[in-house]
Protein backbone atom coordinates (compact mmCIF):
# COMPACT_ATOMS: atom_id res chain seq x y z
CA MET A 1 -6.11 22.20 12.65
CA GLY A 2 -6.62 25.42 14.48
CA LEU A 3 -9.32 28.03 14.08
CA ARG A 4 -7.13 30.04 11.73
CA ASP A 5 -6.51 27.02 9.49
CA PHE A 6 -10.20 26.21 9.50
CA ALA A 7 -11.07 29.77 8.44
CA ARG A 8 -8.44 29.61 5.67
CA SER A 9 -9.93 26.34 4.43
CA LEU A 10 -13.28 28.04 3.86
CA MET A 11 -11.79 30.62 1.50
CA PRO A 12 -12.34 29.61 -2.13
CA GLY A 13 -9.46 29.10 -4.51
CA ASN A 14 -6.63 28.05 -2.21
CA ASP A 15 -7.37 24.33 -1.90
CA ARG A 16 -4.16 23.19 -3.55
CA ALA A 17 -1.94 25.54 -1.57
CA LEU A 18 -3.62 24.56 1.70
CA ALA A 19 -3.32 20.86 0.91
CA ALA A 20 0.34 21.27 -0.05
CA GLU A 21 1.07 22.83 3.34
CA GLN A 22 -1.15 20.63 5.45
CA TYR A 23 -0.25 17.26 3.92
CA ALA A 24 3.42 17.85 3.14
CA ASP A 25 5.63 14.81 3.82
CA ARG A 26 2.65 12.46 3.87
CA GLU A 27 1.87 9.63 1.49
CA SER A 28 -1.15 10.31 -0.68
CA ALA A 29 -4.10 7.93 -0.63
CA THR A 30 -3.42 6.96 -4.25
CA ASP A 31 0.23 6.19 -3.53
CA ARG A 32 -0.73 4.23 -0.43
CA ALA A 33 -3.29 2.14 -2.35
CA ALA A 34 -0.74 1.40 -5.08
CA ARG A 35 1.87 0.39 -2.50
CA LYS A 36 -0.61 -1.90 -0.75
CA ARG A 37 -1.52 -3.52 -4.08
CA ARG A 38 2.14 -4.14 -4.88
CA GLU A 39 2.85 -5.55 -1.42
CA GLY A 40 -0.18 -7.82 -1.58
CA HIS A 41 0.71 -9.04 -5.05
CA ARG A 42 4.28 -9.78 -4.04
CA SER A 43 3.31 -11.64 -0.89
CA LYS A 44 0.77 -13.78 -2.75
CA GLY A 45 3.36 -14.73 -5.36
CA VAL A 46 5.93 -15.71 -2.76
CA LYS A 47 3.39 -17.71 -0.78
CA ARG A 48 2.16 -19.51 -3.89
CA ALA A 49 5.70 -20.37 -5.00
CA ALA A 50 6.54 -21.72 -1.53
CA GLN A 51 3.41 -23.88 -1.52
CA GLN A 52 4.20 -25.25 -4.97
CA GLY A 53 7.74 -26.07 -3.87
CA GLU A 54 6.46 -27.90 -0.81
CA GLN A 55 4.01 -29.90 -2.92
CA TRP A 56 6.80 -30.87 -5.27
CA GLU A 57 8.96 -31.97 -2.33
CA ARG A 58 6.13 -34.09 -0.88
CA ARG A 59 5.50 -35.79 -4.22
CA ASP A 60 9.21 -36.39 -4.69
CA ARG A 61 9.59 -37.92 -1.21
CA ARG A 62 6.59 -40.21 -1.73
CA ARG A 63 7.97 -41.39 -5.04
CA PHE A 64 11.35 -42.40 -3.62
CA THR A 65 10.28 -43.88 -0.26
């Protein structure tokens, strides 16, 4: 951010326009948080399912050996 951009940021009333220019092509904090929540939820579900499958396999092996 240069001196000119800094001076423009102090002018009242152009916050949205300035943000639209400055943060174009960037993921918003809200979108990033939602994506992280989804990724975390998905990874926990996969991990839990894998653990349950392994437990089932262990029980099954013990029963037949």
